């Protein structure tokens, strides 16, 4: 859920600074993932990871697994096939983000 938080999220000042400017756009993407996941009655992580697996340009997704169900979701996502309509739903709210965190 967008409104959920964690200790790390509350204390990560760099992450907050990097992503604060795109929060509204990011929230719309999170809501699109929730919509597809709810319709499929699946965890959001499975839908998000299935989308990443669908994108041939992403060759090495970074998946953080700190709980057993994270691993289960990641493995299940490999078998999940999203429809073209679901992919369009997930991608519609996306807004490209400028590179953040690096200076020349």
PDB file of N, CA and C in Angstrom:
ATOM      1  N   UNK A   1       0.841  -1.185   0.000  1.00  0.00           N
ATOM      2  CA  UNK A   1       0.000   0.000   0.000  1.00  0.00           C
ATOM      3  C   UNK A   1       0.881   1.242   0.000  1.00  0.00           C
ATOM      4  N   UNK A   2       0.474   2.220  -0.744  1.00  0.00           N
ATOM      5  CA  UNK A   2       1.248   3.449  -0.861  1.00  0.00           C
ATOM      6  C   UNK A   2       1.486   4.103   0.493  1.00  0.00           C
ATOM      7  N   UNK A   3       0.496   4.041   1.375  1.00  0.00           N
ATOM      8  CA  UNK A   3       0.594   4.734   2.656  1.00  0.00           C
ATOM      9  C   UNK A   3       1.355   3.947   3.727  1.00  0.00           C
ATOM     10  N   UNK A   4       1.727   2.708   3.435  1.00  0.00           N
ATOM     11  CA  UNK A   4       2.503   1.942   4.401  1.00  0.00           C
ATOM     12  C   UNK A   4       3.929   2.470   4.434  1.00  0.00           C
ATOM     13  N   UNK A   5       4.569   2.257   5.558  1.00  0.00           N
ATOM     14  CA  UNK A   5       5.934   2.734   5.715  1.00  0.00           C
ATOM     15  C   UNK A   5       6.747   1.668   6.433  1.00  0.00           C
ATOM     16  N   UNK A   6       8.024   1.913   6.512  1.00  0.00           N
ATOM     17  CA  UNK A   6       8.925   1.022   7.237  1.00  0.00           C
ATOM     18  C   UNK A   6       9.940   1.881   7.980  1.00  0.00           C
ATOM     19  N   UNK A   7      10.654   1.244   8.876  1.00  0.00           N
ATOM     20  CA  UNK A   7      11.684   1.975   9.619  1.00  0.00           C
ATOM     21  C   UNK A   7      12.728   2.529   8.651  1.00  0.00           C
ATOM     22  N   UNK A   8      13.116   1.714   7.680  1.00  0.00           N
ATOM     23  CA  UNK A   8      14.123   2.172   6.713  1.00  0.00           C
ATOM     24  C   UNK A   8      13.593   3.363   5.915  1.00  0.00           C
ATOM     25  N   UNK A   9      12.358   3.254   5.472  1.00  0.00           N
ATOM     26  CA  UNK A   9      11.789   4.343   4.678  1.00  0.00           C
ATOM     27  C   UNK A   9      11.729   5.638   5.485  1.00  0.00           C
ATOM     28  N   UNK A  10      11.427   5.511   6.750  1.00  0.00           N
ATOM     29  CA  UNK A  10      11.343   6.697   7.604  1.00  0.00           C
ATOM     30  C   UNK A  10      12.716   7.324   7.859  1.00  0.00           C
ATOM     31  N   UNK A  11      13.762   6.505   7.843  1.00  0.00           N
ATOM     32  CA  UNK A  11      15.088   7.025   8.176  1.00  0.00           C
ATOM     33  C   UNK A  11      15.969   7.285   6.958  1.00  0.00           C
ATOM     34  N   UNK A  12      15.530   6.892   5.774  1.00  0.00           N
ATOM     35  CA  UNK A  12      16.354   7.026   4.560  1.00  0.00           C
ATOM     36  C   UNK A  12      16.160   8.417   3.954  1.00  0.00           C
ATOM     37  N   UNK A  13      16.973   9.351   4.392  1.00  0.00           N
ATOM     38  CA  UNK A  13      16.859  10.735   3.920  1.00  0.00           C
ATOM     39  C   UNK A  13      17.257  10.866   2.448  1.00  0.00           C
ATOM     40  N   UNK A  14      18.230  10.081   1.999  1.00  0.00           N
ATOM     41  CA  UNK A  14      18.672  10.149   0.602  1.00  0.00           C
ATOM     42  C   UNK A  14      17.560   9.659  -0.308  1.00  0.00           C
ATOM     43  N   UNK A  15      16.963   8.515   0.021  1.00  0.00           N
ATOM     44  CA  UNK A  15      15.864   7.979  -0.788  1.00  0.00           C
ATOM     45  C   UNK A  15      14.698   8.948  -0.855  1.00  0.00           C
ATOM     46  N   UNK A  16      14.373   9.536   0.268  1.00  0.00           N
ATOM     47  CA  UNK A  16      13.286  10.519   0.298  1.00  0.00           C
ATOM     48  C   UNK A  16      13.589  11.686  -0.633  1.00  0.00           C
ATOM     49  N   UNK A  17      14.805  12.189  -0.565  1.00  0.00           N
ATOM     50  CA  UNK A  17      15.191  13.326  -1.401  1.00  0.00           C
ATOM     51  C   UNK A  17      15.183  12.953  -2.888  1.00  0.00           C
ATOM     52  N   UNK A  18      15.636  11.746  -3.212  1.00  0.00           N
ATOM     53  CA  UNK A  18      15.712  11.323  -4.614  1.00  0.00           C
ATOM     54  C   UNK A  18      14.344  11.153  -5.262  1.00  0.00           C
ATOM     55  N   UNK A  19      13.388  10.647  -4.499  1.00  0.00           N
ATOM     56  CA  UNK A  19      12.117  10.253  -5.098  1.00  0.00           C
ATOM     57  C   UNK A  19      10.953  11.171  -4.758  1.00  0.00           C
ATOM     58  N   UNK A  20      11.175  12.164  -3.942  1.00  0.00           N
ATOM     59  CA  UNK A  20      10.101  13.065  -3.526  1.00  0.00           C
ATOM     60  C   UNK A  20       9.479  13.804  -4.713  1.00  0.00           C
ATOM     61  N   UNK A  21      10.277  14.204  -5.673  1.00  0.00           N
ATOM     62  CA  UNK A  21       9.777  14.991  -6.804  1.00  0.00           C
ATOM     63  C   UNK A  21       8.855  14.186  -7.715  1.00  0.00           C
ATOM     64  N   UNK A  22       8.966  12.866  -7.682  1.00  0.00           N
ATOM     65  CA  UNK A  22       8.155  12.034  -8.584  1.00  0.00           C
ATOM     66  C   UNK A  22       7.102  11.230  -7.827  1.00  0.00           C
ATOM     67  N   UNK A  23       6.847  11.595  -6.594  1.00  0.00           N
ATOM     68  CA  UNK A  23       5.934  10.822  -5.748  1.00  0.00           C
ATOM     69  C   UNK A  23       4.537  10.688  -6.347  1.00  0.00           C
ATOM     70  N   UNK A  24       3.989  11.744  -6.898  1.00  0.00           N
ATOM     71  CA  UNK A  24       2.631  11.664  -7.452  1.00  0.00           C
ATOM     72  C   UNK A  24       2.571  10.695  -8.628  1.00  0.00           C
ATOM     73  N   UNK A  25       3.547  10.768  -9.509  1.00  0.00           N
ATOM     74  CA  UNK A  25       3.590   9.852 -10.646  1.00  0.00           C
ATOM     75  C   UNK A  25       3.815   8.422 -10.174  1.00  0.00           C
ATOM     76  N   UNK A  26       4.689   8.241  -9.204  1.00  0.00           N
ATOM     77  CA  UNK A  26       4.969   6.901  -8.687  1.00  0.00           C
ATOM     78  C   UNK A  26       3.732   6.304  -8.013  1.00  0.00           C
ATOM     79  N   UNK A  27       2.976   7.123  -7.322  1.00  0.00           N
ATOM     80  CA  UNK A  27       1.757   6.650  -6.664  1.00  0.00           C
ATOM     81  C   UNK A  27       0.768   6.127  -7.705  1.00  0.00           C
ATOM     82  N   UNK A  28       0.650   6.792  -8.826  1.00  0.00           N
ATOM     83  CA  UNK A  28      -0.266   6.341  -9.886  1.00  0.00           C
ATOM     84  C   UNK A  28       0.156   4.973 -10.422  1.00  0.00           C
ATOM     85  N   UNK A  29       1.447   4.731 -10.522  1.00  0.00           N
ATOM     86  CA  UNK A  29       1.933   3.419 -10.973  1.00  0.00           C
ATOM     87  C   UNK A  29       1.612   2.365  -9.919  1.00  0.00           C
ATOM     88  N   UNK A  30       1.841   2.663  -8.658  1.00  0.00           N
ATOM     89  CA  UNK A  30       1.531   1.729  -7.574  1.00  0.00           C
ATOM     90  C   UNK A  30       0.038   1.389  -7.588  1.00  0.00           C
ATOM     91  N   UNK A  31      -0.794   2.382  -7.823  1.00  0.00           N
ATOM     92  CA  UNK A  31      -2.240   2.138  -7.887  1.00  0.00           C
ATOM     93  C   UNK A  31      -2.614   1.269  -9.081  1.00  0.00           C
ATOM     94  N   UNK A  32      -1.929   1.412 -10.208  1.00  0.00           N
ATOM     95  CA  UNK A  32      -2.184   0.569 -11.375  1.00  0.00           C
ATOM     96  C   UNK A  32      -1.799  -0.878 -11.080  1.00  0.00           C
ATOM     97  N   UNK A  33      -0.682  -1.084 -10.411  1.00  0.00           N
ATOM     98  CA  UNK A  33      -0.272  -2.431 -10.019  1.00  0.00           C
ATOM     99  C   UNK A  33      -1.324  -3.030  -9.082  1.00  0.00           C
ATOM    100  N   UNK A  34      -1.801  -2.242  -8.136  1.00  0.00           N
ATOM    101  CA  UNK A  34      -2.827  -2.716  -7.203  1.00  0.00           C
ATOM    102  C   UNK A  34      -4.098  -3.120  -7.939  1.00  0.00           C
ATOM    103  N   UNK A  35      -4.477  -2.354  -8.943  1.00  0.00           N
ATOM    104  CA  UNK A  35      -5.691  -2.645  -9.720  1.00  0.00           C
ATOM    105  C   UNK A  35      -5.573  -3.993 -10.434  1.00  0.00           C
ATOM    106  N   UNK A  36      -4.460  -4.221 -11.105  1.00  0.00           N
ATOM    107  CA  UNK A  36      -4.259  -5.482 -11.819  1.00  0.00           C
ATOM    108  C   UNK A  36      -4.168  -6.642 -10.826  1.00  0.00           C
ATOM    109  N   UNK A  37      -3.441  -6.447  -9.741  1.00  0.00           N
ATOM    110  CA  UNK A  37      -3.283  -7.505  -8.733  1.00  0.00           C
ATOM    111  C   UNK A  37      -4.619  -7.874  -8.109  1.00  0.00           C
ATOM    112  N   UNK A  38      -5.413  -6.877  -7.797  1.00  0.00           N
ATOM    113  CA  UNK A  38      -6.725  -7.137  -7.194  1.00  0.00           C
ATOM    114  C   UNK A  38      -7.625  -7.904  -8.156  1.00  0.00           C
ATOM    115  N   UNK A  39      -7.614  -7.517  -9.421  1.00  0.00           N
ATOM    116  CA  UNK A  39      -8.442  -8.206 -10.414  1.00  0.00           C
ATOM    117  C   UNK A  39      -8.026  -9.668 -10.574  1.00  0.00           C
ATOM    118  N   UNK A  40      -6.741  -9.929 -10.435  1.00  0.00           N
ATOM    119  CA  UNK A  40      -6.213 -11.291 -10.569  1.00  0.00           C
ATOM    120  C   UNK A  40      -6.196 -12.044  -9.238  1.00  0.00           C
ATOM    121  N   UNK A  41      -6.469 -11.315  -8.150  1.00  0.00           N
ATOM    122  CA  UNK A  41      -6.379 -11.877  -6.797  1.00  0.00           C
ATOM    123  C   UNK A  41      -4.974 -12.441  -6.527  1.00  0.00           C
ATOM    124  N   UNK A  42      -3.999 -11.606  -6.841  1.00  0.00           N
ATOM    125  CA  UNK A  42      -2.594 -11.952  -6.673  1.00  0.00           C
ATOM    126  C   UNK A  42      -1.891 -10.887  -5.856  1.00  0.00           C
ATOM    127  N   UNK A  43      -0.767 -11.239  -5.246  1.00  0.00           N
ATOM    128  CA  UNK A  43       0.036 -10.216  -4.568  1.00  0.00           C
ATOM    129  C   UNK A  43       0.583  -9.202  -5.577  1.00  0.00           C
ATOM    130  N   UNK A  44       0.683  -7.974  -5.168  1.00  0.00           N
ATOM    131  CA  UNK A  44       1.200  -6.918  -6.041  1.00  0.00           C
ATOM    132  C   UNK A  44       2.610  -7.210  -6.519  1.00  0.00           C
ATOM    133  N   UNK A  45       3.416  -7.800  -5.653  1.00  0.00           N
ATOM    134  CA  UNK A  45       4.796  -8.103  -6.029  1.00  0.00           C
ATOM    135  C   UNK A  45       4.847  -9.033  -7.233  1.00  0.00           C
ATOM    136  N   UNK A  46       3.953 -10.009  -7.294  1.00  0.00           N
ATOM    137  CA  UNK A  46       3.940 -10.926  -8.431  1.00  0.00           C
ATOM    138  C   UNK A  46       3.627 -10.184  -9.728  1.00  0.00           C
ATOM    139  N   UNK A  47       2.673  -9.289  -9.677  1.00  0.00           N
ATOM    140  CA  UNK A  47       2.304  -8.519 -10.870  1.00  0.00           C
ATOM    141  C   UNK A  47       3.466  -7.626 -11.296  1.00  0.00           C
ATOM    142  N   UNK A  48       4.064  -6.935 -10.355  1.00  0.00           N
ATOM    143  CA  UNK A  48       5.177  -6.039 -10.684  1.00  0.00           C
ATOM    144  C   UNK A  48       6.357  -6.816 -11.260  1.00  0.00           C
ATOM    145  N   UNK A  49       6.697  -7.938 -10.650  1.00  0.00           N
ATOM    146  CA  UNK A  49       7.819  -8.732 -11.148  1.00  0.00           C
ATOM    147  C   UNK A  49       7.515  -9.392 -12.487  1.00  0.00           C
ATOM    148  N   UNK A  50       6.253  -9.782 -12.702  1.00  0.00           N
ATOM    149  CA  UNK A  50       5.869 -10.346 -14.003  1.00  0.00           C
ATOM    150  C   UNK A  50       6.015  -9.292 -15.093  1.00  0.00           C
ATOM    151  N   UNK A  51       5.687  -8.039 -14.772  1.00  0.00           N
ATOM    152  CA  UNK A  51       5.857  -6.968 -15.753  1.00  0.00           C
ATOM    153  C   UNK A  51       7.343  -6.796 -16.088  1.00  0.00           C
ATOM    154  N   UNK A  52       8.185  -6.792 -15.050  1.00  0.00           N
ATOM    155  CA  UNK A  52       9.626  -6.648 -15.277  1.00  0.00           C
ATOM    156  C   UNK A  52      10.125  -7.787 -16.160  1.00  0.00           C
ATOM    157  N   UNK A  53       9.679  -9.010 -15.887  1.00  0.00           N
ATOM    158  CA  UNK A  53      10.109 -10.171 -16.673  1.00  0.00           C
ATOM    159  C   UNK A  53       9.641 -10.064 -18.124  1.00  0.00           C
ATOM    160  N   UNK A  54       8.542  -9.371 -18.346  1.00  0.00           N
ATOM    161  CA  UNK A  54       7.992  -9.186 -19.694  1.00  0.00           C
ATOM    162  C   UNK A  54       8.846  -8.227 -20.531  1.00  0.00           C
ATOM    163  N   UNK A  55       9.594  -7.351 -19.882  1.00  0.00           N
ATOM    164  CA  UNK A  55      10.379  -6.339 -20.569  1.00  0.00           C
ATOM    165  C   UNK A  55      11.749  -6.904 -20.929  1.00  0.00           C
ATOM    166  N   UNK A  56      11.978  -7.117 -22.191  1.00  0.00           N
ATOM    167  CA  UNK A  56      13.239  -7.720 -22.610  1.00  0.00           C
ATOM    168  C   UNK A  56      14.444  -6.809 -22.354  1.00  0.00           C
ATOM    169  N   UNK A  57      14.195  -5.529 -22.179  1.00  0.00           N
ATOM    170  CA  UNK A  57      15.311  -4.598 -21.940  1.00  0.00           C
ATOM    171  C   UNK A  57      15.824  -4.661 -20.507  1.00  0.00           C
ATOM    172  N   UNK A  58      15.051  -5.248 -19.614  1.00  0.00           N
ATOM    173  CA  UNK A  58      15.493  -5.399 -18.227  1.00  0.00           C
ATOM    174  C   UNK A  58      16.128  -6.776 -18.111  1.00  0.00           C
ATOM    175  N   UNK A  59      17.433  -6.817 -17.954  1.00  0.00           N
ATOM    176  CA  UNK A  59      18.129  -8.099 -17.939  1.00  0.00           C
ATOM    177  C   UNK A  59      18.523  -8.559 -16.544  1.00  0.00           C
ATOM    178  N   UNK A  60      18.508  -7.668 -15.583  1.00  0.00           N
ATOM    179  CA  UNK A  60      18.910  -8.044 -14.232  1.00  0.00           C
ATOM    180  C   UNK A  60      18.121  -7.241 -13.208  1.00  0.00           C
ATOM    181  N   UNK A  61      16.868  -7.618 -12.963  1.00  0.00           N
ATOM    182  CA  UNK A  61      16.098  -6.884 -11.953  1.00  0.00           C
ATOM    183  C   UNK A  61      16.699  -7.100 -10.576  1.00  0.00           C
ATOM    184  N   UNK A  62      16.614  -6.101  -9.754  1.00  0.00           N
ATOM    185  CA  UNK A  62      17.101  -6.206  -8.379  1.00  0.00           C
ATOM    186  C   UNK A  62      15.907  -6.575  -7.511  1.00  0.00           C
ATOM    187  N   UNK A  63      15.966  -7.762  -6.946  1.00  0.00           N
ATOM    188  CA  UNK A  63      14.870  -8.255  -6.121  1.00  0.00           C
ATOM    189  C   UNK A  63      15.387  -8.433  -4.708  1.00  0.00           C
ATOM    190  N   UNK A  64      14.806  -7.686  -3.773  1.00  0.00           N
ATOM    191  CA  UNK A  64      15.195  -7.816  -2.378  1.00  0.00           C
ATOM    192  C   UNK A  64      14.303  -8.826  -1.685  1.00  0.00           C
ATOM    193  N   UNK A  65      14.903  -9.844  -1.114  1.00  0.00           N
ATOM    194  CA  UNK A  65      14.136 -10.883  -0.447  1.00  0.00           C
ATOM    195  C   UNK A  65      14.575 -10.930   1.010  1.00  0.00           C
ATOM    196  N   UNK A  66      13.682 -10.491   1.887  1.00  0.00           N
ATOM    197  CA  UNK A  66      14.001 -10.510   3.308  1.00  0.00           C
ATOM    198  C   UNK A  66      13.006 -11.352   4.101  1.00  0.00           C
ATOM    199  N   UNK A  67      11.990 -11.892   3.403  1.00  0.00           N
ATOM    200  CA  UNK A  67      10.988 -12.746   4.040  1.00  0.00           C
ATOM    201  C   UNK A  67      10.673 -13.888   3.089  1.00  0.00           C
ATOM    202  N   UNK A  68      10.308 -15.054   3.605  1.00  0.00           N
ATOM    203  CA  UNK A  68      10.037 -16.204   2.736  1.00  0.00           C
ATOM    204  C   UNK A  68       9.013 -15.938   1.639  1.00  0.00           C
ATOM    205  N   UNK A  69       7.970 -15.163   1.936  1.00  0.00           N
ATOM    206  CA  UNK A  69       6.951 -14.928   0.898  1.00  0.00           C
ATOM    207  C   UNK A  69       7.482 -14.055  -0.241  1.00  0.00           C
ATOM    208  N   UNK A  70       8.529 -13.290  -0.009  1.00  0.00           N
ATOM    209  CA  UNK A  70       9.141 -12.526  -1.101  1.00  0.00           C
ATOM    210  C   UNK A  70       9.707 -13.472  -2.152  1.00  0.00           C
ATOM    211  N   UNK A  71      10.358 -14.533  -1.708  1.00  0.00           N
ATOM    212  CA  UNK A  71      10.906 -15.524  -2.629  1.00  0.00           C
ATOM    213  C   UNK A  71       9.783 -16.243  -3.364  1.00  0.00           C
ATOM    214  N   UNK A  72       8.723 -16.603  -2.654  1.00  0.00           N
ATOM    215  CA  UNK A  72       7.571 -17.270  -3.285  1.00  0.00           C
ATOM    216  C   UNK A  72       6.950 -16.384  -4.364  1.00  0.00           C
ATOM    217  N   UNK A  73       6.805 -15.101  -4.085  1.00  0.00           N
ATOM    218  CA  UNK A  73       6.245 -14.176  -5.071  1.00  0.00           C
ATOM    219  C   UNK A  73       7.149 -14.051  -6.295  1.00  0.00           C
ATOM    220  N   UNK A  74       8.460 -13.989  -6.065  1.00  0.00           N
ATOM    221  CA  UNK A  74       9.397 -13.853  -7.176  1.00  0.00           C
ATOM    222  C   UNK A  74       9.352 -15.077  -8.086  1.00  0.00           C
ATOM    223  N   UNK A  75       9.301 -16.244  -7.498  1.00  0.00           N
ATOM    224  CA  UNK A  75       9.240 -17.467  -8.297  1.00  0.00           C
ATOM    225  C   UNK A  75       7.903 -17.559  -9.034  1.00  0.00           C
ATOM    226  N   UNK A  76       6.809 -17.254  -8.355  1.00  0.00           N
ATOM    227  CA  UNK A  76       5.487 -17.312  -8.982  1.00  0.00           C
ATOM    228  C   UNK A  76       5.372 -16.327 -10.143  1.00  0.00           C
ATOM    229  N   UNK A  77       6.026 -15.197 -10.037  1.00  0.00           N
ATOM    230  CA  UNK A  77       5.965 -14.176 -11.094  1.00  0.00           C
ATOM    231  C   UNK A  77       6.552 -14.685 -12.403  1.00  0.00           C
ATOM    232  N   UNK A  78       7.476 -15.628 -12.327  1.00  0.00           N
ATOM    233  CA  UNK A  78       8.082 -16.168 -13.546  1.00  0.00           C
ATOM    234  C   UNK A  78       7.062 -16.888 -14.422  1.00  0.00           C
ATOM    235  N   UNK A  79       6.022 -17.423 -13.818  1.00  0.00           N
ATOM    236  CA  UNK A  79       4.984 -18.150 -14.559  1.00  0.00           C
ATOM    237  C   UNK A  79       3.795 -17.274 -14.941  1.00  0.00           C
ATOM    238  N   UNK A  80       3.724 -16.083 -14.377  1.00  0.00           N
ATOM    239  CA  UNK A  80       2.578 -15.205 -14.602  1.00  0.00           C
ATOM    240  C   UNK A  80       2.676 -14.516 -15.954  1.00  0.00           C
ATOM    241  N   UNK A  81       1.682 -14.676 -16.760  1.00  0.00           N
ATOM    242  CA  UNK A  81       1.619 -14.019 -18.064  1.00  0.00           C
ATOM    243  C   UNK A  81       0.570 -12.915 -17.986  1.00  0.00           C
ATOM    244  N   UNK A  82       0.995 -11.705 -18.255  1.00  0.00           N
ATOM    245  CA  UNK A  82       0.087 -10.557 -18.248  1.00  0.00           C
ATOM    246  C   UNK A  82      -0.489 -10.363 -19.640  1.00  0.00           C
ATOM    247  N   UNK A  83      -1.750  -9.965 -19.694  1.00  0.00           N
ATOM    248  CA  UNK A  83      -2.375  -9.675 -20.984  1.00  0.00           C
ATOM    249  C   UNK A  83      -1.886  -8.325 -21.491  1.00  0.00           C
ATOM    250  N   UNK A  84      -2.091  -8.085 -22.771  1.00  0.00           N
ATOM    251  CA  UNK A  84      -1.722  -6.782 -23.341  1.00  0.00           C
ATOM    252  C   UNK A  84      -2.486  -5.660 -22.647  1.00  0.00           C
ATOM    253  N   UNK A  85      -3.737  -5.921 -22.293  1.00  0.00           N
ATOM    254  CA  UNK A  85      -4.539  -4.913 -21.588  1.00  0.00           C
ATOM    255  C   UNK A  85      -3.949  -4.627 -20.207  1.00  0.00           C
ATOM    256  N   UNK A  86      -3.542  -5.672 -19.494  1.00  0.00           N
ATOM    257  CA  UNK A  86      -2.935  -5.471 -18.176  1.00  0.00           C
ATOM    258  C   UNK A  86      -1.628  -4.692 -18.297  1.00  0.00           C
ATOM    259  N   UNK A  87      -0.822  -5.023 -19.279  1.00  0.00           N
ATOM    260  CA  UNK A  87       0.436  -4.303 -19.490  1.00  0.00           C
ATOM    261  C   UNK A  87       0.156  -2.833 -19.778  1.00  0.00           C
ATOM    262  N   UNK A  88      -0.848  -2.572 -20.605  1.00  0.00           N
ATOM    263  CA  UNK A  88      -1.211  -1.184 -20.910  1.00  0.00           C
ATOM    264  C   UNK A  88      -1.664  -0.459 -19.647  1.00  0.00           C
ATOM    265  N   UNK A  89      -2.425  -1.141 -18.796  1.00  0.00           N
ATOM    266  CA  UNK A  89      -2.878  -0.548 -17.532  1.00  0.00           C
ATOM    267  C   UNK A  89      -1.692  -0.190 -16.645  1.00  0.00           C
ATOM    268  N   UNK A  90      -0.714  -1.090 -16.595  1.00  0.00           N
ATOM    269  CA  UNK A  90       0.464  -0.856 -15.753  1.00  0.00           C
ATOM    270  C   UNK A  90       1.340   0.276 -16.283  1.00  0.00           C
ATOM    271  N   UNK A  91       1.421   0.393 -17.596  1.00  0.00           N
ATOM    272  CA  UNK A  91       2.328   1.384 -18.195  1.00  0.00           C
ATOM    273  C   UNK A  91       1.694   2.757 -18.414  1.00  0.00           C
ATOM    274  N   UNK A  92       0.379   2.825 -18.453  1.00  0.00           N
ATOM    275  CA  UNK A  92      -0.300   4.094 -18.765  1.00  0.00           C
ATOM    276  C   UNK A  92       0.099   5.249 -17.847  1.00  0.00           C
ATOM    277  N   UNK A  93       0.176   5.053 -16.536  1.00  0.00           N
ATOM    278  CA  UNK A  93       0.476   6.209 -15.679  1.00  0.00           C
ATOM    279  C   UNK A  93       1.956   6.545 -15.570  1.00  0.00           C
ATOM    280  N   UNK A  94       2.816   5.741 -16.173  1.00  0.00           N
ATOM    281  CA  UNK A  94       4.253   5.965 -16.001  1.00  0.00           C
ATOM    282  C   UNK A  94       4.699   7.270 -16.646  1.00  0.00           C
ATOM    283  N   UNK A  95       5.504   7.998 -15.923  1.00  0.00           N
ATOM    284  CA  UNK A  95       6.107   9.235 -16.404  1.00  0.00           C
ATOM    285  C   UNK A  95       7.619   9.067 -16.277  1.00  0.00           C
ATOM    286  N   UNK A  96       8.377   9.243 -17.352  1.00  0.00           N
ATOM    287  CA  UNK A  96       9.839   9.104 -17.243  1.00  0.00           C
ATOM    288  C   UNK A  96      10.400  10.041 -16.174  1.00  0.00           C
ATOM    289  N   UNK A  97      11.365   9.541 -15.456  1.00  0.00           N
ATOM    290  CA  UNK A  97      11.988  10.297 -14.376  1.00  0.00           C
ATOM    291  C   UNK A  97      13.366  10.773 -14.815  1.00  0.00           C
ATOM    292  N   UNK A  98      13.728  11.970 -14.420  1.00  0.00           N
ATOM    293  CA  UNK A  98      15.100  12.399 -14.696  1.00  0.00           C
ATOM    294  C   UNK A  98      16.066  11.575 -13.842  1.00  0.00           C
ATOM    295  N   UNK A  99      17.292  11.465 -14.294  1.00  0.00           N
ATOM    296  CA  UNK A  99      18.315  10.779 -13.511  1.00  0.00           C
ATOM    297  C   UNK A  99      18.484  11.550 -12.215  1.00  0.00           C
ATOM    298  N   UNK A 100      18.515  10.813 -11.108  1.00  0.00           N
ATOM    299  CA  UNK A 100      18.625  11.461  -9.805  1.00  0.00           C
ATOM    300  C   UNK A 100      19.777  10.842  -9.022  1.00  0.00           C
ATOM    301  N   UNK A 101      20.433  11.627  -8.235  1.00  0.00           N
ATOM    302  CA  UNK A 101      21.445  11.132  -7.338  1.00  0.00           C
ATOM    303  C   UNK A 101      22.867  11.203  -7.849  1.00  0.00           C
ATOM    304  N   UNK A 102      23.048  11.636  -9.066  1.00  0.00           N
ATOM    305  CA  UNK A 102      24.384  11.704  -9.628  1.00  0.00           C
ATOM    306  C   UNK A 102      24.643  13.124 -10.110  1.00  0.00           C
ATOM    307  N   UNK A 103      25.855  13.540  -9.974  1.00  0.00           N
ATOM    308  CA  UNK A 103      26.241  14.852 -10.494  1.00  0.00           C
ATOM    309  C   UNK A 103      27.453  14.697 -11.373  1.00  0.00           C
ATOM    310  N   UNK A 104      27.561  15.569 -12.355  1.00  0.00           N
ATOM    311  CA  UNK A 104      28.695  15.484 -13.289  1.00  0.00           C
ATOM    312  C   UNK A 104      29.896  16.170 -12.733  1.00  0.00           C
TER     313      UNK A 104
END
